Amino acid sequence: PMEDVSDPPFRAVCKENGADLMYTE
C-alpha cells in the first residue's frame, strides 16, 4: 500500500502482471 501510488489504475496493471494480493492506499 503506497499513498498516491497504489490506486485502482496502478493496481490494474500490477494485477495483469502477476501481483497475487494487493492493498489500497
PDB file of all heavy atoms in Angstrom:
ATOM      1  N   PRO A   1       0.844  -1.194   0.000  1.00  0.00           N
ATOM      2  CA  PRO A   1       0.000   0.000   0.000  1.00  0.00           C
ATOM      3  C   PRO A   1       0.876   1.240   0.000  1.00  0.00           C
ATOM      4  O   PRO A   1       1.649   1.461   0.936  1.00  0.00           O
ATOM      5  CB  PRO A   1      -0.797  -0.128   1.306  1.00  0.00           C
ATOM      6  CG  PRO A   1       0.054  -0.976   2.190  1.00  0.00           C
ATOM      7  CD  PRO A   1       0.844  -1.889   1.300  1.00  0.00           C
ATOM      8  N   MET A   2       0.780   2.044  -1.055  1.00  0.00           N
ATOM      9  CA  MET A   2       1.607   3.246  -1.167  1.00  0.00           C
ATOM     10  C   MET A   2       0.708   4.439  -1.455  1.00  0.00           C
ATOM     11  O   MET A   2      -0.064   4.426  -2.417  1.00  0.00           O
ATOM     12  CB  MET A   2       2.647   3.081  -2.280  1.00  0.00           C
ATOM     13  CG  MET A   2       3.685   2.025  -2.006  1.00  0.00           C
ATOM     14  SD  MET A   2       4.857   1.816  -3.387  1.00  0.00           S
ATOM     15  CE  MET A   2       3.832   0.857  -4.534  1.00  0.00           C
ATOM     16  N   GLU A   3       0.815   5.457  -0.629  1.00  0.00           N
ATOM     17  CA  GLU A   3      -0.003   6.649  -0.786  1.00  0.00           C
ATOM     18  C   GLU A   3       0.231   7.306  -2.137  1.00  0.00           C
ATOM     19  O   GLU A   3       1.381   7.488  -2.566  1.00  0.00           O
ATOM     20  CB  GLU A   3       0.310   7.642   0.345  1.00  0.00           C
ATOM     21  CG  GLU A   3      -0.440   8.945   0.279  1.00  0.00           C
ATOM     22  CD  GLU A   3      -1.931   8.799   0.561  1.00  0.00           C
ATOM     23  OE1 GLU A   3      -2.415   7.673   0.752  1.00  0.00           O
ATOM     24  OE2 GLU A   3      -2.609   9.839   0.603  1.00  0.00           O
ATOM     25  N   ASP A   4      -0.852   7.648  -2.819  1.00  0.00           N
ATOM     26  CA  ASP A   4      -0.821   8.278  -4.141  1.00  0.00           C
ATOM     27  C   ASP A   4      -0.165   7.401  -5.203  1.00  0.00           C
ATOM     28  O   ASP A   4       0.215   7.893  -6.267  1.00  0.00           O
ATOM     29  CB  ASP A   4      -0.112   9.642  -4.094  1.00  0.00           C
ATOM     30  CG  ASP A   4      -0.856  10.656  -3.245  1.00  0.00           C
ATOM     31  OD1 ASP A   4      -2.100  10.577  -3.200  1.00  0.00           O
ATOM     32  OD2 ASP A   4      -0.203  11.515  -2.622  1.00  0.00           O
ATOM     33  N   VAL A   5      -0.017   6.128  -4.933  1.00  0.00           N
ATOM     34  CA  VAL A   5       0.526   5.187  -5.917  1.00  0.00           C
ATOM     35  C   VAL A   5      -0.402   3.997  -6.103  1.00  0.00           C
ATOM     36  O   VAL A   5      -0.812   3.682  -7.216  1.00  0.00           O
ATOM     37  CB  VAL A   5       1.938   4.694  -5.512  1.00  0.00           C
ATOM     38  CG1 VAL A   5       2.434   3.626  -6.505  1.00  0.00           C
ATOM     39  CG2 VAL A   5       2.919   5.854  -5.466  1.00  0.00           C
ATOM     40  N   SER A   6      -0.748   3.315  -5.004  1.00  0.00           N
ATOM     41  CA  SER A   6      -1.496   2.057  -5.092  1.00  0.00           C
ATOM     42  C   SER A   6      -2.997   2.293  -5.282  1.00  0.00           C
ATOM     43  O   SER A   6      -3.831   1.783  -4.538  1.00  0.00           O
ATOM     44  CB  SER A   6      -1.255   1.218  -3.836  1.00  0.00           C
ATOM     45  OG  SER A   6       0.114   0.959  -3.651  1.00  0.00           O
ATOM     46  N   ASP A   7      -3.321   3.068  -6.297  1.00  0.00           N
ATOM     47  CA  ASP A   7      -4.716   3.360  -6.613  1.00  0.00           C
ATOM     48  C   ASP A   7      -5.232   2.349  -7.638  1.00  0.00           C
ATOM     49  O   ASP A   7      -4.462   1.524  -8.154  1.00  0.00           O
ATOM     50  CB  ASP A   7      -4.846   4.796  -7.117  1.00  0.00           C
ATOM     51  CG  ASP A   7      -3.955   5.101  -8.317  1.00  0.00           C
ATOM     52  OD1 ASP A   7      -3.447   4.146  -8.959  1.00  0.00           O
ATOM     53  OD2 ASP A   7      -3.754   6.288  -8.622  1.00  0.00           O
ATOM     54  N   PRO A   8      -6.524   2.355  -7.947  1.00  0.00           N
ATOM     55  CA  PRO A   8      -7.047   1.379  -8.902  1.00  0.00           C
ATOM     56  C   PRO A   8      -6.341   1.352 -10.253  1.00  0.00           C
ATOM     57  O   PRO A   8      -6.115   0.253 -10.793  1.00  0.00           O
ATOM     58  CB  PRO A   8      -8.520   1.782  -9.035  1.00  0.00           C
ATOM     59  CG  PRO A   8      -8.852   2.355  -7.693  1.00  0.00           C
ATOM     60  CD  PRO A   8      -7.614   3.125  -7.294  1.00  0.00           C
ATOM     61  N   PRO A   9      -5.964   2.488 -10.852  1.00  0.00           N
ATOM     62  CA  PRO A   9      -5.248   2.404 -12.126  1.00  0.00           C
ATOM     63  C   PRO A   9      -3.929   1.641 -12.030  1.00  0.00           C
ATOM     64  O   PRO A   9      -3.613   0.820 -12.899  1.00  0.00           O
ATOM     65  CB  PRO A   9      -5.019   3.879 -12.497  1.00  0.00           C
ATOM     66  CG  PRO A   9      -6.129   4.610 -11.811  1.00  0.00           C
ATOM     67  CD  PRO A   9      -6.310   3.889 -10.512  1.00  0.00           C
ATOM     68  N   PHE A  10      -3.165   1.916 -10.979  1.00  0.00           N
ATOM     69  CA  PHE A  10      -1.887   1.225 -10.825  1.00  0.00           C
ATOM     70  C   PHE A  10      -2.096  -0.232 -10.456  1.00  0.00           C
ATOM     71  O   PHE A  10      -1.409  -1.134 -10.958  1.00  0.00           O
ATOM     72  CB  PHE A  10      -1.035   1.928  -9.765  1.00  0.00           C
ATOM     73  CG  PHE A  10       0.338   1.325  -9.600  1.00  0.00           C
ATOM     74  CD1 PHE A  10       1.209   1.248 -10.664  1.00  0.00           C
ATOM     75  CD2 PHE A  10       0.738   0.830  -8.367  1.00  0.00           C
ATOM     76  CE1 PHE A  10       2.480   0.688 -10.511  1.00  0.00           C
ATOM     77  CE2 PHE A  10       1.997   0.275  -8.204  1.00  0.00           C
ATOM     78  CZ  PHE A  10       2.873   0.200  -9.283  1.00  0.00           C
ATOM     79  N   ARG A  11      -3.058  -0.484  -9.592  1.00  0.00           N
ATOM     80  CA  ARG A  11      -3.339  -1.870  -9.214  1.00  0.00           C
ATOM     81  C   ARG A  11      -3.757  -2.703 -10.426  1.00  0.00           C
ATOM     82  O   ARG A  11      -3.435  -3.892 -10.515  1.00  0.00           O
ATOM     83  CB  ARG A  11      -4.426  -1.924  -8.127  1.00  0.00           C
ATOM     84  CG  ARG A  11      -4.021  -1.246  -6.826  1.00  0.00           C
ATOM     85  CD  ARG A  11      -4.878  -1.684  -5.659  1.00  0.00           C
ATOM     86  NE  ARG A  11      -6.299  -1.461  -5.840  1.00  0.00           N
ATOM     87  CZ  ARG A  11      -6.987  -0.413  -5.380  1.00  0.00           C
ATOM     88  NH1 ARG A  11      -6.344   0.553  -4.734  1.00  0.00           N
ATOM     89  NH2 ARG A  11      -8.289  -0.326  -5.558  1.00  0.00           N
ATOM     90  N   ALA A  12      -4.457  -2.081 -11.360  1.00  0.00           N
ATOM     91  CA  ALA A  12      -4.904  -2.809 -12.547  1.00  0.00           C
ATOM     92  C   ALA A  12      -3.720  -3.359 -13.341  1.00  0.00           C
ATOM     93  O   ALA A  12      -3.714  -4.529 -13.734  1.00  0.00           O
ATOM     94  CB  ALA A  12      -5.749  -1.892 -13.444  1.00  0.00           C
ATOM     95  N   VAL A  13      -2.698  -2.546 -13.555  1.00  0.00           N
ATOM     96  CA  VAL A  13      -1.563  -3.018 -14.357  1.00  0.00           C
ATOM     97  C   VAL A  13      -0.681  -3.972 -13.555  1.00  0.00           C
ATOM     98  O   VAL A  13      -0.049  -4.860 -14.129  1.00  0.00           O
ATOM     99  CB  VAL A  13      -0.745  -1.838 -14.937  1.00  0.00           C
ATOM    100  CG1 VAL A  13      -1.597  -1.031 -15.908  1.00  0.00           C
ATOM    101  CG2 VAL A  13      -0.179  -0.931 -13.857  1.00  0.00           C
ATOM    102  N   CYS A  14      -0.660  -3.818 -12.232  1.00  0.00           N
ATOM    103  CA  CYS A  14       0.103  -4.767 -11.402  1.00  0.00           C
ATOM    104  C   CYS A  14      -0.576  -6.128 -11.388  1.00  0.00           C
ATOM    105  O   CYS A  14       0.099  -7.167 -11.449  1.00  0.00           O
ATOM    106  CB  CYS A  14       0.262  -4.231  -9.988  1.00  0.00           C
ATOM    107  SG  CYS A  14       1.415  -2.847  -9.852  1.00  0.00           S
ATOM    108  N   LYS A  15      -1.889  -6.134 -11.303  1.00  0.00           N
ATOM    109  CA  LYS A  15      -2.614  -7.404 -11.306  1.00  0.00           C
ATOM    110  C   LYS A  15      -2.406  -8.143 -12.620  1.00  0.00           C
ATOM    111  O   LYS A  15      -2.183  -9.366 -12.641  1.00  0.00           O
ATOM    112  CB  LYS A  15      -4.112  -7.157 -11.079  1.00  0.00           C
ATOM    113  CG  LYS A  15      -4.928  -8.440 -10.883  1.00  0.00           C
ATOM    114  CD  LYS A  15      -4.546  -9.133  -9.576  1.00  0.00           C
ATOM    115  CE  LYS A  15      -5.424 -10.334  -9.306  1.00  0.00           C
ATOM    116  NZ  LYS A  15      -5.100 -10.969  -8.010  1.00  0.00           N
ATOM    117  N   GLU A  16      -2.456  -7.430 -13.723  1.00  0.00           N
ATOM    118  CA  GLU A  16      -2.239  -8.035 -15.036  1.00  0.00           C
ATOM    119  C   GLU A  16      -0.836  -8.618 -15.165  1.00  0.00           C
ATOM    120  O   GLU A  16      -0.605  -9.511 -15.979  1.00  0.00           O
ATOM    121  CB  GLU A  16      -2.455  -7.005 -16.141  1.00  0.00           C
ATOM    122  CG  GLU A  16      -3.915  -6.648 -16.368  1.00  0.00           C
ATOM    123  CD  GLU A  16      -4.092  -5.696 -17.532  1.00  0.00           C
ATOM    124  OE1 GLU A  16      -3.071  -5.264 -18.120  1.00  0.00           O
ATOM    125  OE2 GLU A  16      -5.243  -5.376 -17.863  1.00  0.00           O
ATOM    126  N   ASN A  17       0.077  -8.111 -14.352  1.00  0.00           N
ATOM    127  CA  ASN A  17       1.467  -8.534 -14.458  1.00  0.00           C
ATOM    128  C   ASN A  17       1.933  -9.361 -13.263  1.00  0.00           C
ATOM    129  O   ASN A  17       3.130  -9.434 -12.993  1.00  0.00           O
ATOM    130  CB  ASN A  17       2.369  -7.315 -14.668  1.00  0.00           C
ATOM    131  CG  ASN A  17       2.248  -6.755 -16.073  1.00  0.00           C
ATOM    132  OD1 ASN A  17       2.861  -7.262 -17.003  1.00  0.00           O
ATOM    133  ND2 ASN A  17       1.427  -5.725 -16.239  1.00  0.00           N
ATOM    134  N   GLY A  18       0.976 -10.014 -12.570  1.00  0.00           N
ATOM    135  CA  GLY A  18       1.380 -11.051 -11.636  1.00  0.00           C
ATOM    136  C   GLY A  18       1.235 -10.811 -10.157  1.00  0.00           C
ATOM    137  O   GLY A  18       1.570 -11.702  -9.360  1.00  0.00           O
ATOM    138  N   ALA A  19       0.758  -9.642  -9.718  1.00  0.00           N
ATOM    139  CA  ALA A  19       0.580  -9.426  -8.281  1.00  0.00           C
ATOM    140  C   ALA A  19      -0.501 -10.372  -7.755  1.00  0.00           C
ATOM    141  O   ALA A  19      -1.573 -10.493  -8.341  1.00  0.00           O
ATOM    142  CB  ALA A  19       0.202  -7.979  -7.994  1.00  0.00           C
ATOM    143  N   ASP A  20      -0.227 -11.046  -6.633  1.00  0.00           N
ATOM    144  CA  ASP A  20      -1.166 -12.023  -6.080  1.00  0.00           C
ATOM    145  C   ASP A  20      -2.143 -11.413  -5.095  1.00  0.00           C
ATOM    146  O   ASP A  20      -3.294 -11.849  -4.999  1.00  0.00           O
ATOM    147  CB  ASP A  20      -0.385 -13.145  -5.384  1.00  0.00           C
ATOM    148  CG  ASP A  20       0.458 -13.946  -6.355  1.00  0.00           C
ATOM    149  OD1 ASP A  20      -0.111 -14.478  -7.321  1.00  0.00           O
ATOM    150  OD2 ASP A  20       1.685 -14.029  -6.148  1.00  0.00           O
ATOM    151  N   LEU A  21      -1.692 -10.446  -4.330  1.00  0.00           N
ATOM    152  CA  LEU A  21      -2.539  -9.775  -3.350  1.00  0.00           C
ATOM    153  C   LEU A  21      -2.142  -8.314  -3.319  1.00  0.00           C
ATOM    154  O   LEU A  21      -0.949  -7.990  -3.269  1.00  0.00           O
ATOM    155  CB  LEU A  21      -2.362 -10.395  -1.957  1.00  0.00           C
ATOM    156  CG  LEU A  21      -3.070  -9.698  -0.790  1.00  0.00           C
ATOM    157  CD1 LEU A  21      -4.586  -9.722  -0.972  1.00  0.00           C
ATOM    158  CD2 LEU A  21      -2.687 -10.344   0.545  1.00  0.00           C
ATOM    159  N   MET A  22      -3.141  -7.449  -3.362  1.00  0.00           N
ATOM    160  CA  MET A  22      -2.860  -6.017  -3.381  1.00  0.00           C
ATOM    161  C   MET A  22      -3.644  -5.322  -2.274  1.00  0.00           C
ATOM    162  O   MET A  22      -4.675  -5.814  -1.812  1.00  0.00           O
ATOM    163  CB  MET A  22      -3.240  -5.424  -4.739  1.00  0.00           C
ATOM    164  CG  MET A  22      -2.550  -6.110  -5.909  1.00  0.00           C
ATOM    165  SD  MET A  22      -2.869  -5.312  -7.501  1.00  0.00           S
ATOM    166  CE  MET A  22      -4.631  -5.598  -7.693  1.00  0.00           C
ATOM    167  N   TYR A  23      -3.119  -4.186  -1.867  1.00  0.00           N
ATOM    168  CA  TYR A  23      -3.778  -3.363  -0.860  1.00  0.00           C
ATOM    169  C   TYR A  23      -4.034  -1.974  -1.427  1.00  0.00           C
ATOM    170  O   TYR A  23      -3.294  -1.486  -2.276  1.00  0.00           O
ATOM    171  CB  TYR A  23      -2.906  -3.252   0.394  1.00  0.00           C
ATOM    172  CG  TYR A  23      -2.802  -4.532   1.182  1.00  0.00           C
ATOM    173  CD1 TYR A  23      -1.752  -5.419   0.975  1.00  0.00           C
ATOM    174  CD2 TYR A  23      -3.761  -4.863   2.137  1.00  0.00           C
ATOM    175  CE1 TYR A  23      -1.656  -6.604   1.700  1.00  0.00           C
ATOM    176  CE2 TYR A  23      -3.665  -6.037   2.875  1.00  0.00           C
ATOM    177  CZ  TYR A  23      -2.614  -6.906   2.651  1.00  0.00           C
ATOM    178  OH  TYR A  23      -2.522  -8.069   3.372  1.00  0.00           O
ATOM    179  N   THR A  24      -5.086  -1.344  -0.919  1.00  0.00           N
ATOM    180  CA  THR A  24      -5.361   0.033  -1.296  1.00  0.00           C
ATOM    181  C   THR A  24      -4.299   0.957  -0.720  1.00  0.00           C
ATOM    182  O   THR A  24      -3.487   0.563   0.120  1.00  0.00           O
ATOM    183  CB  THR A  24      -6.722   0.477  -0.746  1.00  0.00           C
ATOM    184  OG1 THR A  24      -6.684   0.460   0.688  1.00  0.00           O
ATOM    185  CG2 THR A  24      -7.851  -0.435  -1.240  1.00  0.00           C
ATOM    186  N   GLU A  25      -4.335   2.207  -1.147  1.00  0.00           N
ATOM    187  CA  GLU A  25      -3.601   3.240  -0.429  1.00  0.00           C
ATOM    188  C   GLU A  25      -4.128   3.273   1.013  1.00  0.00           C
ATOM    189  O   GLU A  25      -5.260   2.864   1.284  1.00  0.00           O
ATOM    190  CB  GLU A  25      -3.864   4.605  -1.055  1.00  0.00           C
ATOM    191  CG  GLU A  25      -3.540   4.715  -2.523  1.00  0.00           C
ATOM    192  CD  GLU A  25      -4.094   6.005  -3.114  1.00  0.00           C
ATOM    193  OE1 GLU A  25      -3.491   7.065  -2.876  1.00  0.00           O
ATOM    194  OE2 GLU A  25      -5.130   5.946  -3.788  1.00  0.00           O
TER     195      GLU A  25
END
